[in-house]
């Protein structure tokens, strides 16, 4: 699986600009157009694969987890602890419920 966040996009852009693929013939047949398209797609795919590292994915990986989720989880846990510590304060309880809603 490619790691698009670490792709060197300026080098990819330069490589794609310098790529020379002739245009399809003015009146292409479906076969010649398919061959032309496959050739162009293979060159673009190879260029992207050359400049994009692969992710190290294990069965423990969580590719859907983001830093935003980490921040929401941290806010939820801290507000939950504060509401448990001060159980008589209803504003802390409401804050914990709001944090839970945004996190979940």
PDB file of N, CA and C in Angstrom:
ATOM      1  N   UNK A   1       0.845  -1.165   0.000  1.00  0.00           N
ATOM      2  CA  UNK A   1       0.000   0.000   0.000  1.00  0.00           C
ATOM      3  C   UNK A   1       0.899   1.239   0.000  1.00  0.00           C
ATOM      4  N   UNK A   2       0.678   2.155  -0.936  1.00  0.00           N
ATOM      5  CA  UNK A   2       1.527   3.358  -1.008  1.00  0.00           C
ATOM      6  C   UNK A   2       1.259   4.312   0.152  1.00  0.00           C
ATOM      7  N   UNK A   3       2.303   4.979   0.578  1.00  0.00           N
ATOM      8  CA  UNK A   3       2.197   5.998   1.622  1.00  0.00           C
ATOM      9  C   UNK A   3       2.185   7.356   0.924  1.00  0.00           C
ATOM     10  N   UNK A   4       0.987   7.820   0.558  1.00  0.00           N
ATOM     11  CA  UNK A   4       0.860   9.040  -0.240  1.00  0.00           C
ATOM     12  C   UNK A   4       1.339  10.268   0.506  1.00  0.00           C
ATOM     13  N   UNK A   5       1.358  10.229   1.819  1.00  0.00           N
ATOM     14  CA  UNK A   5       1.808  11.386   2.597  1.00  0.00           C
ATOM     15  C   UNK A   5       3.303  11.629   2.417  1.00  0.00           C
ATOM     16  N   UNK A   6       4.058  10.586   2.085  1.00  0.00           N
ATOM     17  CA  UNK A   6       5.513  10.722   1.929  1.00  0.00           C
ATOM     18  C   UNK A   6       5.943  10.786   0.469  1.00  0.00           C
ATOM     19  N   UNK A   7       5.008  10.930  -0.448  1.00  0.00           N
ATOM     20  CA  UNK A   7       5.341  11.033  -1.868  1.00  0.00           C
ATOM     21  C   UNK A   7       6.070  12.339  -2.124  1.00  0.00           C
ATOM     22  N   UNK A   8       7.118  12.270  -2.931  1.00  0.00           N
ATOM     23  CA  UNK A   8       7.873  13.470  -3.308  1.00  0.00           C
ATOM     24  C   UNK A   8       7.185  14.078  -4.535  1.00  0.00           C
ATOM     25  N   UNK A   9       6.145  14.893  -4.288  1.00  0.00           N
ATOM     26  CA  UNK A   9       5.308  15.400  -5.371  1.00  0.00           C
ATOM     27  C   UNK A   9       6.045  16.299  -6.352  1.00  0.00           C
ATOM     28  N   UNK A  10       6.994  17.145  -5.948  1.00  0.00           N
ATOM     29  CA  UNK A  10       7.719  17.937  -6.959  1.00  0.00           C
ATOM     30  C   UNK A  10       8.492  17.050  -7.948  1.00  0.00           C
ATOM     31  N   UNK A  11       9.103  15.975  -7.469  1.00  0.00           N
ATOM     32  CA  UNK A  11       9.806  15.072  -8.385  1.00  0.00           C
ATOM     33  C   UNK A  11       8.835  14.323  -9.281  1.00  0.00           C
ATOM     34  N   UNK A  12       7.685  13.936  -8.758  1.00  0.00           N
ATOM     35  CA  UNK A  12       6.669  13.268  -9.574  1.00  0.00           C
ATOM     36  C   UNK A  12       6.181  14.211 -10.661  1.00  0.00           C
ATOM     37  N   UNK A  13       5.965  15.468 -10.298  1.00  0.00           N
ATOM     38  CA  UNK A  13       5.507  16.461 -11.266  1.00  0.00           C
ATOM     39  C   UNK A  13       6.526  16.641 -12.385  1.00  0.00           C
ATOM     40  N   UNK A  14       7.810  16.749 -12.023  1.00  0.00           N
ATOM     41  CA  UNK A  14       8.865  16.888 -13.033  1.00  0.00           C
ATOM     42  C   UNK A  14       8.942  15.647 -13.924  1.00  0.00           C
ATOM     43  N   UNK A  15       8.833  14.478 -13.317  1.00  0.00           N
ATOM     44  CA  UNK A  15       8.905  13.238 -14.097  1.00  0.00           C
ATOM     45  C   UNK A  15       7.729  13.124 -15.060  1.00  0.00           C
ATOM     46  N   UNK A  16       6.545  13.525 -14.612  1.00  0.00           N
ATOM     47  CA  UNK A  16       5.382  13.464 -15.495  1.00  0.00           C
ATOM     48  C   UNK A  16       5.466  14.482 -16.623  1.00  0.00           C
ATOM     49  N   UNK A  17       6.040  15.652 -16.336  1.00  0.00           N
ATOM     50  CA  UNK A  17       6.201  16.666 -17.391  1.00  0.00           C
ATOM     51  C   UNK A  17       7.211  16.230 -18.436  1.00  0.00           C
ATOM     52  N   UNK A  18       8.241  15.513 -18.001  1.00  0.00           N
ATOM     53  CA  UNK A  18       9.274  15.087 -18.950  1.00  0.00           C
ATOM     54  C   UNK A  18       8.898  13.796 -19.680  1.00  0.00           C
ATOM     55  N   UNK A  19       7.798  13.170 -19.296  1.00  0.00           N
ATOM     56  CA  UNK A  19       7.365  11.928 -19.929  1.00  0.00           C
ATOM     57  C   UNK A  19       6.899  12.221 -21.355  1.00  0.00           C
ATOM     58  N   UNK A  20       7.412  11.447 -22.281  1.00  0.00           N
ATOM     59  CA  UNK A  20       7.045  11.635 -23.684  1.00  0.00           C
ATOM     60  C   UNK A  20       6.222  10.450 -24.146  1.00  0.00           C
ATOM     61  N   UNK A  21       4.928  10.658 -24.260  1.00  0.00           N
ATOM     62  CA  UNK A  21       4.043   9.632 -24.796  1.00  0.00           C
ATOM     63  C   UNK A  21       3.330  10.255 -25.978  1.00  0.00           C
ATOM     64  N   UNK A  22       3.459   9.654 -27.153  1.00  0.00           N
ATOM     65  CA  UNK A  22       2.805  10.257 -28.321  1.00  0.00           C
ATOM     66  C   UNK A  22       1.284  10.232 -28.160  1.00  0.00           C
ATOM     67  N   UNK A  23       0.607  11.221 -28.720  1.00  0.00           N
ATOM     68  CA  UNK A  23      -0.852  11.230 -28.629  1.00  0.00           C
ATOM     69  C   UNK A  23      -1.442  10.104 -29.475  1.00  0.00           C
ATOM     70  N   UNK A  24      -2.675   9.731 -29.197  1.00  0.00           N
ATOM     71  CA  UNK A  24      -3.277   8.677 -30.013  1.00  0.00           C
ATOM     72  C   UNK A  24      -3.473   9.152 -31.453  1.00  0.00           C
ATOM     73  N   UNK A  25      -3.602   8.219 -32.344  1.00  0.00           N
ATOM     74  CA  UNK A  25      -3.792   8.582 -33.750  1.00  0.00           C
ATOM     75  C   UNK A  25      -5.093   9.360 -33.908  1.00  0.00           C
ATOM     76  N   UNK A  26      -5.187  10.203 -34.943  1.00  0.00           N
ATOM     77  CA  UNK A  26      -6.381  11.044 -35.101  1.00  0.00           C
ATOM     78  C   UNK A  26      -7.689  10.251 -35.179  1.00  0.00           C
ATOM     79  N   UNK A  27      -7.677   9.082 -35.818  1.00  0.00           N
ATOM     80  CA  UNK A  27      -8.875   8.252 -35.900  1.00  0.00           C
ATOM     81  C   UNK A  27      -8.501   6.883 -35.341  1.00  0.00           C
ATOM     82  N   UNK A  28      -8.495   6.768 -34.006  1.00  0.00           N
ATOM     83  CA  UNK A  28      -8.039   5.501 -33.434  1.00  0.00           C
ATOM     84  C   UNK A  28      -9.128   4.427 -33.480  1.00  0.00           C
ATOM     85  N   UNK A  29      -8.653   3.206 -33.575  1.00  0.00           N
ATOM     86  CA  UNK A  29      -9.576   2.086 -33.391  1.00  0.00           C
ATOM     87  C   UNK A  29      -9.681   1.836 -31.901  1.00  0.00           C
ATOM     88  N   UNK A  30     -10.650   1.047 -31.503  1.00  0.00           N
ATOM     89  CA  UNK A  30     -10.793   0.786 -30.074  1.00  0.00           C
ATOM     90  C   UNK A  30      -9.575   0.029 -29.549  1.00  0.00           C
ATOM     91  N   UNK A  31      -8.985  -0.834 -30.359  1.00  0.00           N
ATOM     92  CA  UNK A  31      -7.798  -1.583 -29.924  1.00  0.00           C
ATOM     93  C   UNK A  31      -6.602  -0.649 -29.769  1.00  0.00           C
ATOM     94  N   UNK A  32      -6.351   0.216 -30.774  1.00  0.00           N
ATOM     95  CA  UNK A  32      -5.185   1.112 -30.693  1.00  0.00           C
ATOM     96  C   UNK A  32      -5.345   2.122 -29.562  1.00  0.00           C
ATOM     97  N   UNK A  33      -6.578   2.570 -29.323  1.00  0.00           N
ATOM     98  CA  UNK A  33      -6.808   3.479 -28.198  1.00  0.00           C
ATOM     99  C   UNK A  33      -6.581   2.771 -26.869  1.00  0.00           C
ATOM    100  N   UNK A  34      -6.991   1.506 -26.763  1.00  0.00           N
ATOM    101  CA  UNK A  34      -6.747   0.725 -25.545  1.00  0.00           C
ATOM    102  C   UNK A  34      -5.271   0.506 -25.292  1.00  0.00           C
ATOM    103  N   UNK A  35      -4.513   0.218 -26.352  1.00  0.00           N
ATOM    104  CA  UNK A  35      -3.062   0.030 -26.220  1.00  0.00           C
ATOM    105  C   UNK A  35      -2.406   1.340 -25.797  1.00  0.00           C
ATOM    106  N   UNK A  36      -2.808   2.450 -26.421  1.00  0.00           N
ATOM    107  CA  UNK A  36      -2.236   3.751 -26.071  1.00  0.00           C
ATOM    108  C   UNK A  36      -2.537   4.087 -24.609  1.00  0.00           C
ATOM    109  N   UNK A  37      -3.784   3.871 -24.190  1.00  0.00           N
ATOM    110  CA  UNK A  37      -4.177   4.175 -22.815  1.00  0.00           C
ATOM    111  C   UNK A  37      -3.411   3.307 -21.826  1.00  0.00           C
ATOM    112  N   UNK A  38      -3.298   2.009 -22.091  1.00  0.00           N
ATOM    113  CA  UNK A  38      -2.560   1.119 -21.185  1.00  0.00           C
ATOM    114  C   UNK A  38      -1.105   1.530 -21.070  1.00  0.00           C
ATOM    115  N   UNK A  39      -0.491   1.917 -22.197  1.00  0.00           N
ATOM    116  CA  UNK A  39       0.907   2.362 -22.179  1.00  0.00           C
ATOM    117  C   UNK A  39       1.071   3.602 -21.309  1.00  0.00           C
ATOM    118  N   UNK A  40       0.193   4.581 -21.508  1.00  0.00           N
ATOM    119  CA  UNK A  40       0.269   5.824 -20.727  1.00  0.00           C
ATOM    120  C   UNK A  40       0.016   5.555 -19.238  1.00  0.00           C
ATOM    121  N   UNK A  41      -0.993   4.754 -18.930  1.00  0.00           N
ATOM    122  CA  UNK A  41      -1.306   4.432 -17.542  1.00  0.00           C
ATOM    123  C   UNK A  41      -0.155   3.687 -16.871  1.00  0.00           C
ATOM    124  N   UNK A  42       0.473   2.747 -17.572  1.00  0.00           N
ATOM    125  CA  UNK A  42       1.609   2.011 -17.007  1.00  0.00           C
ATOM    126  C   UNK A  42       2.788   2.929 -16.722  1.00  0.00           C
ATOM    127  N   UNK A  43       3.041   3.908 -17.598  1.00  0.00           N
ATOM    128  CA  UNK A  43       4.145   4.853 -17.360  1.00  0.00           C
ATOM    129  C   UNK A  43       3.851   5.744 -16.150  1.00  0.00           C
ATOM    130  N   UNK A  44       2.616   6.199 -16.020  1.00  0.00           N
ATOM    131  CA  UNK A  44       2.253   7.043 -14.876  1.00  0.00           C
ATOM    132  C   UNK A  44       2.328   6.235 -13.576  1.00  0.00           C
ATOM    133  N   UNK A  45       1.821   5.011 -13.604  1.00  0.00           N
ATOM    134  CA  UNK A  45       1.856   4.154 -12.419  1.00  0.00           C
ATOM    135  C   UNK A  45       3.284   3.851 -12.001  1.00  0.00           C
ATOM    136  N   UNK A  46       4.153   3.572 -12.966  1.00  0.00           N
ATOM    137  CA  UNK A  46       5.558   3.293 -12.654  1.00  0.00           C
ATOM    138  C   UNK A  46       6.242   4.520 -12.063  1.00  0.00           C
ATOM    139  N   UNK A  47       5.923   5.703 -12.586  1.00  0.00           N
ATOM    140  CA  UNK A  47       6.511   6.938 -12.054  1.00  0.00           C
ATOM    141  C   UNK A  47       6.060   7.171 -10.613  1.00  0.00           C
ATOM    142  N   UNK A  48       4.781   6.970 -10.340  1.00  0.00           N
ATOM    143  CA  UNK A  48       4.288   7.134  -8.969  1.00  0.00           C
ATOM    144  C   UNK A  48       4.905   6.108  -8.029  1.00  0.00           C
ATOM    145  N   UNK A  49       5.038   4.867  -8.487  1.00  0.00           N
ATOM    146  CA  UNK A  49       5.627   3.823  -7.643  1.00  0.00           C
ATOM    147  C   UNK A  49       7.096   4.116  -7.349  1.00  0.00           C
ATOM    148  N   UNK A  50       7.778   4.751  -8.288  1.00  0.00           N
ATOM    149  CA  UNK A  50       9.189   5.081  -8.097  1.00  0.00           C
ATOM    150  C   UNK A  50       9.393   6.138  -7.017  1.00  0.00           C
ATOM    151  N   UNK A  51       8.461   7.079  -6.898  1.00  0.00           N
ATOM    152  CA  UNK A  51       8.623   8.210  -5.974  1.00  0.00           C
ATOM    153  C   UNK A  51       7.756   8.115  -4.721  1.00  0.00           C
ATOM    154  N   UNK A  52       7.075   6.987  -4.524  1.00  0.00           N
ATOM    155  CA  UNK A  52       6.198   6.831  -3.363  1.00  0.00           C
ATOM    156  C   UNK A  52       6.630   5.615  -2.557  1.00  0.00           C
ATOM    157  N   UNK A  53       7.030   5.805  -1.292  1.00  0.00           N
ATOM    158  CA  UNK A  53       7.387   4.644  -0.465  1.00  0.00           C
ATOM    159  C   UNK A  53       6.139   3.864  -0.068  1.00  0.00           C
ATOM    160  N   UNK A  54       6.354   2.637   0.311  1.00  0.00           N
ATOM    161  CA  UNK A  54       5.249   1.789   0.735  1.00  0.00           C
ATOM    162  C   UNK A  54       5.060   1.896   2.242  1.00  0.00           C
ATOM    163  N   UNK A  55       3.824   1.738   2.688  1.00  0.00           N
ATOM    164  CA  UNK A  55       3.533   1.716   4.112  1.00  0.00           C
ATOM    165  C   UNK A  55       3.897   0.346   4.662  1.00  0.00           C
ATOM    166  N   UNK A  56       4.324   0.335   5.913  1.00  0.00           N
ATOM    167  CA  UNK A  56       4.579  -0.923   6.602  1.00  0.00           C
ATOM    168  C   UNK A  56       3.305  -1.262   7.350  1.00  0.00           C
ATOM    169  N   UNK A  57       2.512  -2.145   6.769  1.00  0.00           N
ATOM    170  CA  UNK A  57       1.213  -2.468   7.330  1.00  0.00           C
ATOM    171  C   UNK A  57       1.281  -3.829   8.011  1.00  0.00           C
ATOM    172  N   UNK A  58       0.846  -3.872   9.250  1.00  0.00           N
ATOM    173  CA  UNK A  58       0.755  -5.129   9.981  1.00  0.00           C
ATOM    174  C   UNK A  58      -0.703  -5.354  10.360  1.00  0.00           C
ATOM    175  N   UNK A  59      -0.994  -6.484  10.954  1.00  0.00           N
ATOM    176  CA  UNK A  59      -2.371  -6.717  11.356  1.00  0.00           C
ATOM    177  C   UNK A  59      -2.757  -5.882  12.579  1.00  0.00           C
ATOM    178  N   UNK A  60      -1.800  -5.191  13.190  1.00  0.00           N
ATOM    179  CA  UNK A  60      -2.097  -4.271  14.301  1.00  0.00           C
ATOM    180  C   UNK A  60      -2.280  -2.838  13.803  1.00  0.00           C
ATOM    181  N   UNK A  61      -1.967  -2.589  12.556  1.00  0.00           N
ATOM    182  CA  UNK A  61      -2.057  -1.229  12.024  1.00  0.00           C
ATOM    183  C   UNK A  61      -3.494  -0.730  12.011  1.00  0.00           C
ATOM    184  N   UNK A  62      -3.635   0.545  12.259  1.00  0.00           N
ATOM    185  CA  UNK A  62      -4.939   1.191  12.206  1.00  0.00           C
ATOM    186  C   UNK A  62      -4.826   2.378  11.259  1.00  0.00           C
ATOM    187  N   UNK A  63      -4.904   2.137   9.940  1.00  0.00           N
ATOM    188  CA  UNK A  63      -4.685   3.226   8.992  1.00  0.00           C
ATOM    189  C   UNK A  63      -5.759   4.313   9.044  1.00  0.00           C
ATOM    190  N   UNK A  64      -6.888   4.023   9.666  1.00  0.00           N
ATOM    191  CA  UNK A  64      -7.959   5.001   9.756  1.00  0.00           C
ATOM    192  C   UNK A  64      -7.764   5.962  10.924  1.00  0.00           C
ATOM    193  N   UNK A  65      -6.811   5.690  11.837  1.00  0.00           N
ATOM    194  CA  UNK A  65      -6.614   6.527  13.017  1.00  0.00           C
ATOM    195  C   UNK A  65      -5.857   7.780  12.624  1.00  0.00           C
ATOM    196  N   UNK A  66      -6.323   8.924  13.094  1.00  0.00           N
ATOM    197  CA  UNK A  66      -5.687  10.191  12.746  1.00  0.00           C
ATOM    198  C   UNK A  66      -5.309  10.950  14.009  1.00  0.00           C
ATOM    199  N   UNK A  67      -4.568  12.013  13.836  1.00  0.00           N
ATOM    200  CA  UNK A  67      -4.195  12.859  14.974  1.00  0.00           C
ATOM    201  C   UNK A  67      -5.420  13.584  15.531  1.00  0.00           C
ATOM    202  N   UNK A  68      -6.414  13.839  14.687  1.00  0.00           N
ATOM    203  CA  UNK A  68      -7.651  14.454  15.157  1.00  0.00           C
ATOM    204  C   UNK A  68      -8.373  13.534  16.129  1.00  0.00           C
ATOM    205  N   UNK A  69      -8.410  12.243  15.799  1.00  0.00           N
ATOM    206  CA  UNK A  69      -9.031  11.285  16.713  1.00  0.00           C
ATOM    207  C   UNK A  69      -8.273  11.210  18.031  1.00  0.00           C
ATOM    208  N   UNK A  70      -6.954  11.292  17.967  1.00  0.00           N
ATOM    209  CA  UNK A  70      -6.154  11.292  19.201  1.00  0.00           C
ATOM    210  C   UNK A  70      -6.498  12.493  20.077  1.00  0.00           C
ATOM    211  N   UNK A  71      -6.630  13.664  19.457  1.00  0.00           N
ATOM    212  CA  UNK A  71      -6.961  14.869  20.225  1.00  0.00           C
ATOM    213  C   UNK A  71      -8.361  14.772  20.825  1.00  0.00           C
ATOM    214  N   UNK A  72      -9.317  14.253  20.054  1.00  0.00           N
ATOM    215  CA  UNK A  72     -10.680  14.096  20.577  1.00  0.00           C
ATOM    216  C   UNK A  72     -10.720  13.094  21.724  1.00  0.00           C
ATOM    217  N   UNK A  73      -9.960  12.019  21.591  1.00  0.00           N
ATOM    218  CA  UNK A  73      -9.918  11.005  22.645  1.00  0.00           C
ATOM    219  C   UNK A  73      -9.303  11.580  23.924  1.00  0.00           C
ATOM    220  N   UNK A  74      -8.232  12.360  23.746  1.00  0.00           N
ATOM    221  CA  UNK A  74      -7.579  12.973  24.902  1.00  0.00           C
ATOM    222  C   UNK A  74      -8.518  13.956  25.602  1.00  0.00           C
ATOM    223  N   UNK A  75      -9.249  14.751  24.828  1.00  0.00           N
ATOM    224  CA  UNK A  75     -10.195  15.708  25.414  1.00  0.00           C
ATOM    225  C   UNK A  75     -11.315  14.974  26.137  1.00  0.00           C
ATOM    226  N   UNK A  76     -11.806  13.905  25.541  1.00  0.00           N
ATOM    227  CA  UNK A  76     -12.880  13.131  26.171  1.00  0.00           C
ATOM    228  C   UNK A  76     -12.406  12.517  27.487  1.00  0.00           C
ATOM    229  N   UNK A  77     -11.244  11.876  27.478  1.00  0.00           N
ATOM    230  CA  UNK A  77     -10.753  11.219  28.694  1.00  0.00           C
ATOM    231  C   UNK A  77     -10.463  12.224  29.806  1.00  0.00           C
ATOM    232  N   UNK A  78      -9.897  13.375  29.455  1.00  0.00           N
ATOM    233  CA  UNK A  78      -9.598  14.355  30.509  1.00  0.00           C
ATOM    234  C   UNK A  78     -10.883  14.954  31.078  1.00  0.00           C
ATOM    235  N   UNK A  79     -11.879  15.224  30.227  1.00  0.00           N
ATOM    236  CA  UNK A  79     -13.134  15.765  30.752  1.00  0.00           C
ATOM    237  C   UNK A  79     -13.896  14.709  31.561  1.00  0.00           C
ATOM    238  N   UNK A  80     -13.785  13.451  31.172  1.00  0.00           N
ATOM    239  CA  UNK A  80     -14.426  12.383  31.944  1.00  0.00           C
ATOM    240  C   UNK A  80     -13.797  12.252  33.330  1.00  0.00           C
ATOM    241  N   UNK A  81     -12.464  12.289  33.380  1.00  0.00           N
ATOM    242  CA  UNK A  81     -11.791  12.219  34.678  1.00  0.00           C
ATOM    243  C   UNK A  81     -12.164  13.411  35.558  1.00  0.00           C
ATOM    244  N   UNK A  82     -12.231  14.606  34.952  1.00  0.00           N
ATOM    245  CA  UNK A  82     -12.582  15.804  35.732  1.00  0.00           C
ATOM    246  C   UNK A  82     -14.008  15.718  36.260  1.00  0.00           C
ATOM    247  N   UNK A  83     -14.922  15.179  35.439  1.00  0.00           N
ATOM    248  CA  UNK A  83     -16.310  15.077  35.902  1.00  0.00           C
ATOM    249  C   UNK A  83     -16.457  14.023  36.995  1.00  0.00           C
ATOM    250  N   UNK A  84     -15.643  12.983  36.974  1.00  0.00           N
ATOM    251  CA  UNK A  84     -15.682  11.979  38.041  1.00  0.00           C
ATOM    252  C   UNK A  84     -15.061  12.509  39.332  1.00  0.00           C
ATOM    253  N   UNK A  85     -14.036  13.339  39.162  1.00  0.00           N
ATOM    254  CA  UNK A  85     -13.363  13.912  40.327  1.00  0.00           C
ATOM    255  C   UNK A  85     -14.283  14.899  41.047  1.00  0.00           C
ATOM    256  N   UNK A  86     -14.999  15.695  40.281  1.00  0.00           N
ATOM    257  CA  UNK A  86     -15.927  16.689  40.845  1.00  0.00           C
ATOM    258  C   UNK A  86     -17.345  16.262  40.483  1.00  0.00           C
ATOM    259  N   UNK A  87     -17.841  15.220  41.100  1.00  0.00           N
ATOM    260  CA  UNK A  87     -19.121  14.613  40.720  1.00  0.00           C
ATOM    261  C   UNK A  87     -20.324  15.524  40.965  1.00  0.00           C
ATOM    262  N   UNK A  88     -20.198  16.538  41.807  1.00  0.00           N
ATOM    263  CA  UNK A  88     -21.329  17.421  42.098  1.00  0.00           C
ATOM    264  C   UNK A  88     -21.455  18.566  41.099  1.00  0.00           C
ATOM    265  N   UNK A  89     -20.470  18.739  40.224  1.00  0.00           N
ATOM    266  CA  UNK A  89     -20.477  19.839  39.255  1.00  0.00           C
ATOM    267  C   UNK A  89     -21.144  19.375  37.954  1.00  0.00           C
ATOM    268  N   UNK A  90     -22.341  19.875  37.700  1.00  0.00           N
ATOM    269  CA  UNK A  90     -23.088  19.421  36.515  1.00  0.00           C
ATOM    270  C   UNK A  90     -22.497  19.966  35.208  1.00  0.00           C
ATOM    271  N   UNK A  91     -21.804  21.106  35.264  1.00  0.00           N
ATOM    272  CA  UNK A  91     -21.211  21.645  34.038  1.00  0.00           C
ATOM    273  C   UNK A  91     -20.087  20.738  33.528  1.00  0.00           C
ATOM    274  N   UNK A  92     -19.337  20.125  34.456  1.00  0.00           N
ATOM    275  CA  UNK A  92     -18.295  19.182  34.035  1.00  0.00           C
ATOM    276  C   UNK A  92     -18.901  17.929  33.417  1.00  0.00           C
ATOM    277  N   UNK A  93     -20.022  17.495  33.948  1.00  0.00           N
ATOM    278  CA  UNK A  93     -20.705  16.340  33.381  1.00  0.00           C
ATOM    279  C   UNK A  93     -21.207  16.645  31.968  1.00  0.00           C
ATOM    280  N   UNK A  94     -21.767  17.822  31.771  1.00  0.00           N
ATOM    281  CA  UNK A  94     -22.232  18.222  30.437  1.00  0.00           C
ATOM    282  C   UNK A  94     -21.058  18.350  29.469  1.00  0.00           C
ATOM    283  N   UNK A  95     -19.934  18.847  29.957  1.00  0.00           N
ATOM    284  CA  UNK A  95     -18.738  18.954  29.133  1.00  0.00           C
ATOM    285  C   UNK A  95     -18.230  17.569  28.726  1.00  0.00           C
ATOM    286  N   UNK A  96     -18.264  16.632  29.657  1.00  0.00           N
ATOM    287  CA  UNK A  96     -17.834  15.264  29.349  1.00  0.00           C
ATOM    288  C   UNK A  96     -18.755  14.618  28.328  1.00  0.00           C
ATOM    289  N   UNK A  97     -20.057  14.886  28.443  1.00  0.00           N
ATOM    290  CA  UNK A  97     -21.013  14.319  27.482  1.00  0.00           C
ATOM    291  C   UNK A  97     -20.799  14.911  26.082  1.00  0.00           C
ATOM    292  N   UNK A  98     -20.521  16.223  26.023  1.00  0.00           N
ATOM    293  CA  UNK A  98     -20.256  16.859  24.734  1.00  0.00           C
ATOM    294  C   UNK A  98     -18.969  16.313  24.112  1.00  0.00           C
ATOM    295  N   UNK A  99     -17.933  16.122  24.933  1.00  0.00           N
ATOM    296  CA  UNK A  99     -16.680  15.565  24.434  1.00  0.00           C
ATOM    297  C   UNK A  99     -16.875  14.127  23.954  1.00  0.00           C
ATOM    298  N   UNK A 100     -17.692  13.371  24.676  1.00  0.00           N
ATOM    299  CA  UNK A 100     -17.983  11.995  24.266  1.00  0.00           C
ATOM    300  C   UNK A 100     -18.699  11.974  22.920  1.00  0.00           C
ATOM    301  N   UNK A 101     -19.654  12.862  22.742  1.00  0.00           N
ATOM    302  CA  UNK A 101     -20.392  12.921  21.478  1.00  0.00           C
ATOM    303  C   UNK A 101     -19.477  13.268  20.314  1.00  0.00           C
ATOM    304  N   UNK A 102     -18.586  14.220  20.505  1.00  0.00           N
ATOM    305  CA  UNK A 102     -17.691  14.591  19.399  1.00  0.00           C
ATOM    306  C   UNK A 102     -16.660  13.509  19.112  1.00  0.00           C
ATOM    307  N   UNK A 103     -16.236  12.781  20.147  1.00  0.00           N
ATOM    308  CA  UNK A 103     -15.253  11.718  19.947  1.00  0.00           C
ATOM    309  C   UNK A 103     -15.887  10.494  19.302  1.00  0.00           C
ATOM    310  N   UNK A 104     -17.031  10.077  19.803  1.00  0.00           N
ATOM    311  CA  UNK A 104     -17.655   8.870  19.272  1.00  0.00           C
ATOM    312  C   UNK A 104     -18.344   9.147  17.959  1.00  0.00           C
TER     313      UNK A 104
END
